[in-house]
C-alpha cells in the first residue's frame, strides 16, 4: 500500500475515533433532568400509538390492584409509559457512561446486606423488571467484576443480541443464555461468585410451579429455590429504582428459606417467598414496573383475549402456508 494512502487511512480512522469519543462524551454529560424530559416525550408517543400495550398495561394494573379507581389506573398507566421512555434513553446514555460516573449516580439502600454479596461463599441476587434493571446489572458488574454471572433470555434478533451483550458486560462479568444454564449457574455459585437473574416473567407449563402474584395464580420458575437449597447460598432481592436524587439500589435481607424433610413442600414454599419479595417491591413502585408482560395469561387468558386470538390467527396462517408449500 502506498505510504500516502496508509497515512490517509490512519488519519481518517483517528478522526472517526475522535468524533465517536466526542459524541460519547456529549451523551454521557446529558443531565438526568433532560433524560427524563426526553424519555417522557418518547413514552407519551408510545402511549399514543401503541394501543395494544396500552390495553395490556391497564388490564394488568386493574387486575393487580382491583381496589384502585379507574382514574388511578389511567394515571399510573401513563407513568408506566413514561418510565419505559426514560429507561430507553438512560440505557443509551449508560452505553457511553464511564464507570466512575455510573458509581457516582447510584446510592445504596441496605448497605448492611452487602456482606452477603461480598462473601466468598456465593450469592444469588434476584430482581424484576423494575426501575432501571439494566443499570442495576452494570452497577453490580462495577462492584463484582468477573465474580458476576448474569442469566438472561437470548434476543432473537442477532445484531441486537450482540449489542445488548456488549452493553451488559462493558464493566465486567458474564451473561449467559438462561436455556440450559443450570450447570454453569451451579458451578459459578460453588466457585463463590454472584449469580444475578430476573425472575418476574412466566415460564412454560410443565416447567413451573403454581405461585401467587398479587393474589392471583401464576406459573413461577422453581429453579432459583432449588439452586439455593442445593448450594446453600443466600438469595438477596435487589432493585434499582429512580428517585429525586438519581438512582437507588435497594438490597433487601436474604429470603428466609424453608428446609424440612419434604423437598416438594420446600420448593413450593420457597418459590412463593421469592415471588413475594418481587411483589413487595412492585407494590412500592408500581409506576416503575414493566407491566407490558402478559403475566397471568396461563390461568386468566381472558385478560389478553385479543392478543391470544391474534397469536392463534397468526399460527393458523403459518400452518396453512406450510401446508400449501408441501
C-alpha atoms as a PDB file:
ATOM      1  CA  UNK A   1       0.000   0.000   0.000  1.00  0.00           C
ATOM      2  CA  UNK A   2       1.424   3.453  -0.893  1.00  0.00           C
ATOM      3  CA  UNK A   3       2.621   5.409   2.138  1.00  0.00           C
ATOM      4  CA  UNK A   4       0.365   8.405   1.469  1.00  0.00           C
ATOM      5  CA  UNK A   5      -2.672   6.100   1.236  1.00  0.00           C
ATOM      6  CA  UNK A   6      -1.784   4.435   4.555  1.00  0.00           C
ATOM      7  CA  UNK A   7      -1.341   7.832   6.208  1.00  0.00           C
ATOM      8  CA  UNK A   8      -4.700   8.968   4.840  1.00  0.00           C
ATOM      9  CA  UNK A   9      -6.470   5.870   6.145  1.00  0.00           C
ATOM     10  CA  UNK A  10      -4.850   6.272   9.559  1.00  0.00           C
ATOM     11  CA  UNK A  11      -5.864   9.923   9.770  1.00  0.00           C
ATOM     12  CA  UNK A  12      -9.430   9.066   8.732  1.00  0.00           C
ATOM     13  CA  UNK A  13      -9.609   6.350  11.379  1.00  0.00           C
ATOM     14  CA  UNK A  14      -8.245   8.685  14.068  1.00  0.00           C
ATOM     15  CA  UNK A  15     -10.745  11.393  13.078  1.00  0.00           C
ATOM     16  CA  UNK A  16     -13.571   8.866  13.206  1.00  0.00           C
ATOM     17  CA  UNK A  17     -12.484   7.698  16.683  1.00  0.00           C
ATOM     18  CA  UNK A  18     -12.233  11.291  17.916  1.00  0.00           C
ATOM     19  CA  UNK A  19     -15.739  12.031  16.623  1.00  0.00           C
ATOM     20  CA  UNK A  20     -17.048   8.872  18.284  1.00  0.00           C
ATOM     21  CA  UNK A  21     -15.381   9.803  21.580  1.00  0.00           C
ATOM     22  CA  UNK A  22     -16.760  13.351  21.429  1.00  0.00           C
ATOM     23  CA  UNK A  23     -20.272  12.025  20.771  1.00  0.00           C
ATOM     24  CA  UNK A  24     -19.992   9.599  23.691  1.00  0.00           C
ATOM     25  CA  UNK A  25     -18.868  12.415  25.986  1.00  0.00           C
ATOM     26  CA  UNK A  26     -21.823  14.513  24.839  1.00  0.00           C
ATOM     27  CA  UNK A  27     -24.305  11.693  25.572  1.00  0.00           C
ATOM     28  CA  UNK A  28     -22.644  10.904  28.925  1.00  0.00           C
ATOM     29  CA  UNK A  29     -22.906  14.539  30.072  1.00  0.00           C
ATOM     30  CA  UNK A  30     -26.638  14.979  29.423  1.00  0.00           C
ATOM     31  CA  UNK A  31     -28.274  15.744  32.763  1.00  0.00           C
ATOM     32  CA  UNK A  32     -30.767  13.352  34.319  1.00  0.00           C
ATOM     33  CA  UNK A  33     -33.496  16.003  34.132  1.00  0.00           C
ATOM     34  CA  UNK A  34     -33.059  16.252  30.341  1.00  0.00           C
ATOM     35  CA  UNK A  35     -33.011  12.459  30.033  1.00  0.00           C
ATOM     36  CA  UNK A  36     -36.313  12.338  31.901  1.00  0.00           C
ATOM     37  CA  UNK A  37     -37.889  15.034  29.710  1.00  0.00           C
ATOM     38  CA  UNK A  38     -36.812  13.226  26.557  1.00  0.00           C
ATOM     39  CA  UNK A  39     -37.989   9.910  27.991  1.00  0.00           C
ATOM     40  CA  UNK A  40     -41.407  11.234  28.922  1.00  0.00           C
ATOM     41  CA  UNK A  41     -41.838  12.615  25.401  1.00  0.00           C
ATOM     42  CA  UNK A  42     -40.960   9.219  23.947  1.00  0.00           C
ATOM     43  CA  UNK A  43     -43.210   7.494  26.487  1.00  0.00           C
ATOM     44  CA  UNK A  44     -46.126   9.730  25.510  1.00  0.00           C
ATOM     45  CA  UNK A  45     -45.563   8.918  21.827  1.00  0.00           C
ATOM     46  CA  UNK A  46     -45.528   5.169  22.524  1.00  0.00           C
ATOM     47  CA  UNK A  47     -48.602   5.518  24.735  1.00  0.00           C
ATOM     48  CA  UNK A  48     -50.486   7.358  21.982  1.00  0.00           C
ATOM     49  CA  UNK A  49     -49.571   4.941  19.187  1.00  0.00           C
ATOM     50  CA  UNK A  50     -49.347   1.528  20.871  1.00  0.00           C
ATOM     51  CA  UNK A  51     -52.974   0.698  21.584  1.00  0.00           C
ATOM     52  CA  UNK A  52     -52.286  -2.992  22.223  1.00  0.00           C
ATOM     53  CA  UNK A  53     -49.756  -2.477  25.006  1.00  0.00           C
ATOM     54  CA  UNK A  54     -51.768   0.375  26.464  1.00  0.00           C
ATOM     55  CA  UNK A  55     -54.616  -2.115  26.848  1.00  0.00           C
ATOM     56  CA  UNK A  56     -52.346  -4.757  28.410  1.00  0.00           C
ATOM     57  CA  UNK A  57     -50.902  -2.342  30.970  1.00  0.00           C
ATOM     58  CA  UNK A  58     -54.332  -1.071  32.017  1.00  0.00           C
ATOM     59  CA  UNK A  59     -55.759  -4.550  32.436  1.00  0.00           C
ATOM     60  CA  UNK A  60     -52.704  -5.769  34.350  1.00  0.00           C
ATOM     61  CA  UNK A  61     -52.897  -2.831  36.736  1.00  0.00           C
ATOM     62  CA  UNK A  62     -56.627  -3.247  37.355  1.00  0.00           C
ATOM     63  CA  UNK A  63     -56.135  -6.995  37.840  1.00  0.00           C
ATOM     64  CA  UNK A  64     -53.264  -6.498  40.290  1.00  0.00           C
ATOM     65  CA  UNK A  65     -54.949  -3.615  42.125  1.00  0.00           C
ATOM     66  CA  UNK A  66     -58.702  -4.325  41.948  1.00  0.00           C
ATOM     67  CA  UNK A  67     -59.457  -1.657  44.561  1.00  0.00           C
ATOM     68  CA  UNK A  68     -57.930   1.138  42.517  1.00  0.00           C
ATOM     69  CA  UNK A  69     -60.397   3.578  40.918  1.00  0.00           C
ATOM     70  CA  UNK A  70     -60.189   3.748  37.130  1.00  0.00           C
ATOM     71  CA  UNK A  71     -58.675   7.248  37.093  1.00  0.00           C
ATOM     72  CA  UNK A  72     -55.720   5.976  39.144  1.00  0.00           C
ATOM     73  CA  UNK A  73     -55.256   3.071  36.727  1.00  0.00           C
ATOM     74  CA  UNK A  74     -55.143   5.537  33.836  1.00  0.00           C
ATOM     75  CA  UNK A  75     -52.711   7.825  35.667  1.00  0.00           C
ATOM     76  CA  UNK A  76     -50.301   5.034  36.564  1.00  0.00           C
ATOM     77  CA  UNK A  77     -50.562   3.630  33.020  1.00  0.00           C
ATOM     78  CA  UNK A  78     -49.273   6.955  31.673  1.00  0.00           C
ATOM     79  CA  UNK A  79     -46.428   6.911  34.194  1.00  0.00           C
ATOM     80  CA  UNK A  80     -45.542   3.331  33.232  1.00  0.00           C
ATOM     81  CA  UNK A  81     -45.066   4.503  29.639  1.00  0.00           C
ATOM     82  CA  UNK A  82     -43.057   7.478  30.928  1.00  0.00           C
ATOM     83  CA  UNK A  83     -40.822   5.041  32.784  1.00  0.00           C
ATOM     84  CA  UNK A  84     -40.341   2.992  29.620  1.00  0.00           C
ATOM     85  CA  UNK A  85     -39.279   6.041  27.615  1.00  0.00           C
ATOM     86  CA  UNK A  86     -36.937   7.261  30.353  1.00  0.00           C
ATOM     87  CA  UNK A  87     -35.363   3.816  30.684  1.00  0.00           C
ATOM     88  CA  UNK A  88     -34.684   3.665  26.932  1.00  0.00           C
ATOM     89  CA  UNK A  89     -32.824   6.985  26.999  1.00  0.00           C
ATOM     90  CA  UNK A  90     -30.986   6.007  30.182  1.00  0.00           C
ATOM     91  CA  UNK A  91     -29.758   2.814  28.519  1.00  0.00           C
ATOM     92  CA  UNK A  92     -28.475   4.838  25.550  1.00  0.00           C
ATOM     93  CA  UNK A  93     -26.631   7.103  27.963  1.00  0.00           C
ATOM     94  CA  UNK A  94     -25.326   4.189  30.035  1.00  0.00           C
ATOM     95  CA  UNK A  95     -23.708   2.753  26.907  1.00  0.00           C
ATOM     96  CA  UNK A  96     -21.470   5.858  26.868  1.00  0.00           C
ATOM     97  CA  UNK A  97     -21.087   6.474  30.610  1.00  0.00           C
ATOM     98  CA  UNK A  98     -17.703   5.859  32.278  1.00  0.00           C
ATOM     99  CA  UNK A  99     -17.616   3.504  35.237  1.00  0.00           C
ATOM    100  CA  UNK A 100     -16.826   6.212  37.783  1.00  0.00           C
ATOM    101  CA  UNK A 101     -19.765   8.394  36.680  1.00  0.00           C
ATOM    102  CA  UNK A 102     -22.134   5.452  36.998  1.00  0.00           C
ATOM    103  CA  UNK A 103     -20.999   4.784  40.562  1.00  0.00           C
ATOM    104  CA  UNK A 104     -21.437   8.469  41.443  1.00  0.00           C
ATOM    105  CA  UNK A 105     -25.092   8.401  40.361  1.00  0.00           C
ATOM    106  CA  UNK A 106     -26.146   5.436  42.485  1.00  0.00           C
ATOM    107  CA  UNK A 107     -26.951   5.303  46.186  1.00  0.00           C
ATOM    108  CA  UNK A 108     -27.210   2.005  48.067  1.00  0.00           C
ATOM    109  CA  UNK A 109     -30.080   1.387  50.461  1.00  0.00           C
ATOM    110  CA  UNK A 110     -29.344  -1.650  52.631  1.00  0.00           C
ATOM    111  CA  UNK A 111     -25.544  -1.495  52.791  1.00  0.00           C
ATOM    112  CA  UNK A 112     -25.654  -3.900  55.700  1.00  0.00           C
ATOM    113  CA  UNK A 113     -26.646  -6.608  53.189  1.00  0.00           C
ATOM    114  CA  UNK A 114     -23.565  -6.048  51.018  1.00  0.00           C
ATOM    115  CA  UNK A 115     -21.755  -8.553  53.220  1.00  0.00           C
ATOM    116  CA  UNK A 116     -23.712 -11.393  51.608  1.00  0.00           C
ATOM    117  CA  UNK A 117     -22.642 -10.328  48.127  1.00  0.00           C
ATOM    118  CA  UNK A 118     -19.024  -9.861  49.174  1.00  0.00           C
ATOM    119  CA  UNK A 119     -18.916 -13.269  50.844  1.00  0.00           C
ATOM    120  CA  UNK A 120     -16.650 -15.845  49.136  1.00  0.00           C
ATOM    121  CA  UNK A 121     -19.386 -18.472  49.580  1.00  0.00           C
ATOM    122  CA  UNK A 122     -21.520 -17.294  46.650  1.00  0.00           C
ATOM    123  CA  UNK A 123     -24.821 -15.409  46.454  1.00  0.00           C
ATOM    124  CA  UNK A 124     -27.959 -15.393  44.313  1.00  0.00           C
ATOM    125  CA  UNK A 125     -29.349 -11.937  43.513  1.00  0.00           C
ATOM    126  CA  UNK A 126     -32.944 -11.853  42.270  1.00  0.00           C
ATOM    127  CA  UNK A 127     -34.762  -8.920  40.753  1.00  0.00           C
ATOM    128  CA  UNK A 128     -37.555  -7.973  38.381  1.00  0.00           C
ATOM    129  CA  UNK A 129     -38.231  -5.536  35.562  1.00  0.00           C
ATOM    130  CA  UNK A 130     -38.498  -2.625  37.983  1.00  0.00           C
ATOM    131  CA  UNK A 131     -36.973   0.840  37.676  1.00  0.00           C
ATOM    132  CA  UNK A 132     -33.855   0.564  35.526  1.00  0.00           C
ATOM    133  CA  UNK A 133     -32.904  -3.106  35.804  1.00  0.00           C
ATOM    134  CA  UNK A 134     -30.133  -2.726  33.219  1.00  0.00           C
ATOM    135  CA  UNK A 135     -28.427  -0.068  35.328  1.00  0.00           C
ATOM    136  CA  UNK A 136     -28.591  -2.448  38.279  1.00  0.00           C
ATOM    137  CA  UNK A 137     -26.647  -5.050  36.295  1.00  0.00           C
ATOM    138  CA  UNK A 138     -23.950  -2.558  35.256  1.00  0.00           C
ATOM    139  CA  UNK A 139     -23.676  -1.340  38.832  1.00  0.00           C
ATOM    140  CA  UNK A 140     -23.229  -4.915  40.053  1.00  0.00           C
ATOM    141  CA  UNK A 141     -20.559  -5.539  37.403  1.00  0.00           C
ATOM    142  CA  UNK A 142     -18.741  -2.403  38.577  1.00  0.00           C
ATOM    143  CA  UNK A 143     -18.668  -3.825  42.083  1.00  0.00           C
ATOM    144  CA  UNK A 144     -18.001  -7.506  41.443  1.00  0.00           C
ATOM    145  CA  UNK A 145     -16.345  -7.613  38.017  1.00  0.00           C
ATOM    146  CA  UNK A 146     -15.703 -11.160  36.860  1.00  0.00           C
ATOM    147  CA  UNK A 147     -17.365 -12.570  40.004  1.00  0.00           C
ATOM    148  CA  UNK A 148     -20.731 -11.701  38.418  1.00  0.00           C
ATOM    149  CA  UNK A 149     -22.688 -14.146  36.279  1.00  0.00           C
ATOM    150  CA  UNK A 150     -25.999 -12.853  34.890  1.00  0.00           C
ATOM    151  CA  UNK A 151     -28.710 -15.031  33.364  1.00  0.00           C
ATOM    152  CA  UNK A 152     -30.819 -13.598  30.545  1.00  0.00           C
ATOM    153  CA  UNK A 153     -33.025 -14.658  27.680  1.00  0.00           C
ATOM    154  CA  UNK A 154     -31.415 -14.650  24.252  1.00  0.00           C
ATOM    155  CA  UNK A 155     -32.778 -11.985  21.905  1.00  0.00           C
ATOM    156  CA  UNK A 156     -33.922 -13.425  18.572  1.00  0.00           C
ATOM    157  CA  UNK A 157     -32.548 -10.523  16.514  1.00  0.00           C
ATOM    158  CA  UNK A 158     -28.830 -11.343  16.444  1.00  0.00           C
ATOM    159  CA  UNK A 159     -27.397  -7.794  15.969  1.00  0.00           C
ATOM    160  CA  UNK A 160     -29.449  -6.505  18.925  1.00  0.00           C
ATOM    161  CA  UNK A 161     -28.464  -9.536  20.999  1.00  0.00           C
ATOM    162  CA  UNK A 162     -24.763  -8.781  20.373  1.00  0.00           C
ATOM    163  CA  UNK A 163     -25.209  -5.092  21.248  1.00  0.00           C
ATOM    164  CA  UNK A 164     -27.050  -5.924  24.474  1.00  0.00           C
ATOM    165  CA  UNK A 165     -24.396  -8.498  25.434  1.00  0.00           C
ATOM    166  CA  UNK A 166     -21.588  -5.970  24.894  1.00  0.00           C
ATOM    167  CA  UNK A 167     -23.566  -3.349  26.821  1.00  0.00           C
ATOM    168  CA  UNK A 168     -24.190  -5.628  29.791  1.00  0.00           C
ATOM    169  CA  UNK A 169     -20.575  -6.812  30.031  1.00  0.00           C
ATOM    170  CA  UNK A 170     -18.793  -3.479  29.420  1.00  0.00           C
ATOM    171  CA  UNK A 171     -17.762  -3.235  33.094  1.00  0.00           C
ATOM    172  CA  UNK A 172     -17.007  -6.937  33.558  1.00  0.00           C
ATOM    173  CA  UNK A 173     -18.943 -10.041  34.458  1.00  0.00           C
ATOM    174  CA  UNK A 174     -20.508 -12.566  32.116  1.00  0.00           C
ATOM    175  CA  UNK A 175     -24.013 -13.024  30.693  1.00  0.00           C
ATOM    176  CA  UNK A 176     -25.283 -16.417  29.536  1.00  0.00           C
ATOM    177  CA  UNK A 177     -28.492 -17.636  27.947  1.00  0.00           C
ATOM    178  CA  UNK A 178     -30.928 -18.974  30.527  1.00  0.00           C
ATOM    179  CA  UNK A 179     -31.700 -22.040  28.375  1.00  0.00           C
ATOM    180  CA  UNK A 180     -29.579 -24.906  29.704  1.00  0.00           C
ATOM    181  CA  UNK A 181     -27.784 -22.618  32.152  1.00  0.00           C
ATOM    182  CA  UNK A 182     -28.236 -24.706  35.325  1.00  0.00           C
ATOM    183  CA  UNK A 183     -24.795 -26.443  35.235  1.00  0.00           C
ATOM    184  CA  UNK A 184     -22.995 -23.108  34.751  1.00  0.00           C
ATOM    185  CA  UNK A 185     -25.104 -21.487  37.467  1.00  0.00           C
ATOM    186  CA  UNK A 186     -24.284 -24.253  39.938  1.00  0.00           C
ATOM    187  CA  UNK A 187     -20.573 -24.168  39.098  1.00  0.00           C
ATOM    188  CA  UNK A 188     -20.477 -20.380  39.432  1.00  0.00           C
ATOM    189  CA  UNK A 189     -22.116 -20.384  42.863  1.00  0.00           C
ATOM    190  CA  UNK A 190     -19.863 -23.143  44.156  1.00  0.00           C
ATOM    191  CA  UNK A 191     -16.941 -21.060  42.955  1.00  0.00           C
ATOM    192  CA  UNK A 192     -18.063 -18.233  45.240  1.00  0.00           C
ATOM    193  CA  UNK A 193     -19.500 -15.962  42.565  1.00  0.00           C
ATOM    194  CA  UNK A 194     -22.563 -13.694  42.445  1.00  0.00           C
ATOM    195  CA  UNK A 195     -25.420 -15.010  40.295  1.00  0.00           C
ATOM    196  CA  UNK A 196     -27.950 -12.402  39.105  1.00  0.00           C
ATOM    197  CA  UNK A 197     -31.275 -13.071  37.392  1.00  0.00           C
ATOM    198  CA  UNK A 198     -34.698 -11.545  36.741  1.00  0.00           C
ATOM    199  CA  UNK A 199     -37.486 -13.867  37.857  1.00  0.00           C
ATOM    200  CA  UNK A 200     -40.723 -11.940  37.373  1.00  0.00           C
ATOM    201  CA  UNK A 201     -41.597 -13.352  33.952  1.00  0.00           C
ATOM    202  CA  UNK A 202     -43.605 -16.514  33.474  1.00  0.00           C
ATOM    203  CA  UNK A 203     -42.419 -19.956  32.489  1.00  0.00           C
ATOM    204  CA  UNK A 204     -43.763 -22.695  30.247  1.00  0.00           C
ATOM    205  CA  UNK A 205     -46.410 -25.158  31.514  1.00  0.00           C
ATOM    206  CA  UNK A 206     -44.643 -28.207  32.854  1.00  0.00           C
ATOM    207  CA  UNK A 207     -41.551 -26.196  33.829  1.00  0.00           C
ATOM    208  CA  UNK A 208     -43.011 -24.137  36.653  1.00  0.00           C
ATOM    209  CA  UNK A 209     -44.872 -24.438  39.932  1.00  0.00           C
ATOM    210  CA  UNK A 210     -48.036 -22.643  40.960  1.00  0.00           C
ATOM    211  CA  UNK A 211     -47.497 -19.480  42.971  1.00  0.00           C
ATOM    212  CA  UNK A 212     -49.428 -16.356  43.848  1.00  0.00           C
ATOM    213  CA  UNK A 213     -48.504 -12.965  42.391  1.00  0.00           C
ATOM    214  CA  UNK A 214     -50.703 -10.085  43.521  1.00  0.00           C
ATOM    215  CA  UNK A 215     -53.106 -12.673  44.973  1.00  0.00           C
ATOM    216  CA  UNK A 216     -53.541 -14.282  41.533  1.00  0.00           C
ATOM    217  CA  UNK A 217     -52.247 -17.669  40.451  1.00  0.00           C
ATOM    218  CA  UNK A 218     -49.232 -17.747  38.112  1.00  0.00           C
ATOM    219  CA  UNK A 219     -46.617 -20.215  36.966  1.00  0.00           C
ATOM    220  CA  UNK A 220     -43.259 -19.418  38.561  1.00  0.00           C
ATOM    221  CA  UNK A 221     -39.864 -20.966  37.986  1.00  0.00           C
ATOM    222  CA  UNK A 222     -38.709 -23.146  40.884  1.00  0.00           C
ATOM    223  CA  UNK A 223     -35.116 -23.079  39.621  1.00  0.00           C
ATOM    224  CA  UNK A 224     -33.807 -20.389  41.958  1.00  0.00           C
ATOM    225  CA  UNK A 225     -35.312 -22.017  45.047  1.00  0.00           C
ATOM    226  CA  UNK A 226     -33.887 -25.405  44.043  1.00  0.00           C
ATOM    227  CA  UNK A 227     -30.462 -23.911  43.299  1.00  0.00           C
ATOM    228  CA  UNK A 228     -30.327 -22.015  46.583  1.00  0.00           C
ATOM    229  CA  UNK A 229     -31.295 -25.132  48.532  1.00  0.00           C
ATOM    230  CA  UNK A 230     -28.736 -27.239  46.675  1.00  0.00           C
ATOM    231  CA  UNK A 231     -25.810 -24.837  47.059  1.00  0.00           C
ATOM    232  CA  UNK A 232     -26.856 -23.405  50.458  1.00  0.00           C
ATOM    233  CA  UNK A 233     -26.297 -19.778  49.405  1.00  0.00           C
ATOM    234  CA  UNK A 234     -28.405 -16.734  50.362  1.00  0.00           C
ATOM    235  CA  UNK A 235     -30.992 -15.253  47.988  1.00  0.00           C
ATOM    236  CA  UNK A 236     -30.885 -11.438  48.019  1.00  0.00           C
ATOM    237  CA  UNK A 237     -33.730  -9.425  46.432  1.00  0.00           C
ATOM    238  CA  UNK A 238     -32.226  -6.296  44.833  1.00  0.00           C
ATOM    239  CA  UNK A 239     -33.805  -3.495  42.782  1.00  0.00           C
ATOM    240  CA  UNK A 240     -32.677  -0.255  41.118  1.00  0.00           C
ATOM    241  CA  UNK A 241     -35.324   2.463  41.325  1.00  0.00           C
ATOM    242  CA  UNK A 242     -35.350   6.054  40.177  1.00  0.00           C
ATOM    243  CA  UNK A 243     -35.871   8.814  42.759  1.00  0.00           C
ATOM    244  CA  UNK A 244     -35.388  12.557  43.131  1.00  0.00           C
ATOM    245  CA  UNK A 245     -31.678  12.100  43.875  1.00  0.00           C
ATOM    246  CA  UNK A 246     -30.905   9.823  40.933  1.00  0.00           C
ATOM    247  CA  UNK A 247     -30.892   6.068  41.422  1.00  0.00           C
ATOM    248  CA  UNK A 248     -31.113   3.895  44.488  1.00  0.00           C
ATOM    249  CA  UNK A 249     -30.059   0.260  44.529  1.00  0.00           C
ATOM    250  CA  UNK A 250     -32.128  -1.451  47.202  1.00  0.00           C
ATOM    251  CA  UNK A 251     -30.518  -4.506  48.803  1.00  0.00           C
ATOM    252  CA  UNK A 252     -33.047  -6.398  50.898  1.00  0.00           C
ATOM    253  CA  UNK A 253     -32.208  -9.031  53.512  1.00  0.00           C
ATOM    254  CA  UNK A 254     -31.961 -12.653  52.327  1.00  0.00           C
ATOM    255  CA  UNK A 255     -35.180 -14.506  51.622  1.00  0.00           C
ATOM    256  CA  UNK A 256     -35.846 -16.837  54.528  1.00  0.00           C
ATOM    257  CA  UNK A 257     -35.684 -20.321  53.021  1.00  0.00           C
ATOM    258  CA  UNK A 258     -37.676 -23.206  54.477  1.00  0.00           C
ATOM    259  CA  UNK A 259     -35.895 -26.510  54.988  1.00  0.00           C
ATOM    260  CA  UNK A 260     -37.906 -29.561  56.059  1.00  0.00           C
ATOM    261  CA  UNK A 261     -37.980 -33.245  55.209  1.00  0.00           C
ATOM    262  CA  UNK A 262     -40.307 -32.591  52.260  1.00  0.00           C
ATOM    263  CA  UNK A 263     -38.365 -31.348  49.228  1.00  0.00           C
ATOM    264  CA  UNK A 264     -41.577 -30.766  47.267  1.00  0.00           C
ATOM    265  CA  UNK A 265     -43.071 -28.596  50.022  1.00  0.00           C
ATOM    266  CA  UNK A 266     -39.824 -26.676  50.466  1.00  0.00           C
ATOM    267  CA  UNK A 267     -39.602 -25.861  46.746  1.00  0.00           C
ATOM    268  CA  UNK A 268     -43.223 -24.676  46.742  1.00  0.00           C
ATOM    269  CA  UNK A 269     -42.879 -22.522  49.874  1.00  0.00           C
ATOM    270  CA  UNK A 270     -39.502 -21.041  48.914  1.00  0.00           C
ATOM    271  CA  UNK A 271     -40.619 -20.228  45.368  1.00  0.00           C
ATOM    272  CA  UNK A 272     -43.603 -18.385  46.831  1.00  0.00           C
ATOM    273  CA  UNK A 273     -41.377 -16.452  49.231  1.00  0.00           C
ATOM    274  CA  UNK A 274     -39.156 -15.430  46.331  1.00  0.00           C
ATOM    275  CA  UNK A 275     -42.198 -14.231  44.356  1.00  0.00           C
ATOM    276  CA  UNK A 276     -43.430 -12.341  47.435  1.00  0.00           C
ATOM    277  CA  UNK A 277     -40.154 -10.399  47.570  1.00  0.00           C
ATOM    278  CA  UNK A 278     -40.659  -9.252  43.972  1.00  0.00           C
ATOM    279  CA  UNK A 279     -44.298  -8.322  44.583  1.00  0.00           C
ATOM    280  CA  UNK A 280     -43.424  -6.247  47.650  1.00  0.00           C
ATOM    281  CA  UNK A 281     -41.035  -4.093  45.608  1.00  0.00           C
ATOM    282  CA  UNK A 282     -43.512  -3.670  42.734  1.00  0.00           C
ATOM    283  CA  UNK A 283     -46.265  -2.621  45.148  1.00  0.00           C
ATOM    284  CA  UNK A 284     -43.974   0.125  46.435  1.00  0.00           C
ATOM    285  CA  UNK A 285     -43.096   1.437  42.954  1.00  0.00           C
ATOM    286  CA  UNK A 286     -45.930   0.343  40.616  1.00  0.00           C
ATOM    287  CA  UNK A 287     -45.317   3.191  38.166  1.00  0.00           C
ATOM    288  CA  UNK A 288     -41.740   1.937  37.586  1.00  0.00           C
ATOM    289  CA  UNK A 289     -42.691  -1.665  36.816  1.00  0.00           C
ATOM    290  CA  UNK A 290     -42.733  -3.191  33.328  1.00  0.00           C
ATOM    291  CA  UNK A 291     -46.440  -4.057  33.191  1.00  0.00           C
ATOM    292  CA  UNK A 292     -46.224  -4.973  29.489  1.00  0.00           C
ATOM    293  CA  UNK A 293     -45.807  -8.701  30.171  1.00  0.00           C
ATOM    294  CA  UNK A 294     -48.879 -10.926  29.841  1.00  0.00           C
ATOM    295  CA  UNK A 295     -48.041 -12.322  33.271  1.00  0.00           C
ATOM    296  CA  UNK A 296     -51.358 -14.022  34.032  1.00  0.00           C
ATOM    297  CA  UNK A 297     -52.111 -15.493  30.610  1.00  0.00           C
ATOM    298  CA  UNK A 298     -51.887 -19.167  31.715  1.00  0.00           C
ATOM    299  CA  UNK A 299     -54.669 -19.059  34.304  1.00  0.00           C
ATOM    300  CA  UNK A 300     -56.520 -15.898  33.249  1.00  0.00           C
ATOM    301  CA  UNK A 301     -56.364 -15.836  29.433  1.00  0.00           C
ATOM    302  CA  UNK A 302     -59.438 -13.592  29.212  1.00  0.00           C
ATOM    303  CA  UNK A 303     -57.207 -10.680  30.264  1.00  0.00           C
ATOM    304  CA  UNK A 304     -55.407 -10.852  26.938  1.00  0.00           C
ATOM    305  CA  UNK A 305     -58.166 -12.236  24.733  1.00  0.00           C
ATOM    306  CA  UNK A 306     -57.410 -10.015  21.727  1.00  0.00           C
ATOM    307  CA  UNK A 307     -53.690 -10.795  21.841  1.00  0.00           C
ATOM    308  CA  UNK A 308     -54.131 -14.541  22.221  1.00  0.00           C
ATOM    309  CA  UNK A 309     -56.683 -14.623  19.392  1.00  0.00           C
ATOM    310  CA  UNK A 310     -54.283 -12.621  17.228  1.00  0.00           C
ATOM    311  CA  UNK A 311     -51.500 -15.095  18.000  1.00  0.00           C
ATOM    312  CA  UNK A 312     -53.775 -18.025  17.171  1.00  0.00           C
ATOM    313  CA  UNK A 313     -54.743 -16.497  13.820  1.00  0.00           C
ATOM    314  CA  UNK A 314     -51.072 -15.989  13.010  1.00  0.00           C
ATOM    315  CA  UNK A 315     -50.327 -19.638  13.804  1.00  0.00           C
ATOM    316  CA  UNK A 316     -53.195 -20.787  11.600  1.00  0.00           C
ATOM    317  CA  UNK A 317     -51.942 -18.658   8.691  1.00  0.00           C
ATOM    318  CA  UNK A 318     -48.446 -20.092   9.089  1.00  0.00           C
ATOM    319  CA  UNK A 319     -49.880 -23.607   9.226  1.00  0.00           C
ATOM    320  CA  UNK A 320     -51.883 -23.049   6.038  1.00  0.00           C
ATOM    321  CA  UNK A 321     -48.863 -21.553   4.347  1.00  0.00           C
ATOM    322  CA  UNK A 322     -46.689 -24.528   5.344  1.00  0.00           C
ATOM    323  CA  UNK A 323     -49.369 -26.926   4.086  1.00  0.00           C
ATOM    324  CA  UNK A 324     -49.578 -25.149   0.752  1.00  0.00           C
ATOM    325  CA  UNK A 325     -45.810 -25.461   0.265  1.00  0.00           C
ATOM    326  CA  UNK A 326     -45.789 -29.248   0.762  1.00  0.00           C
END
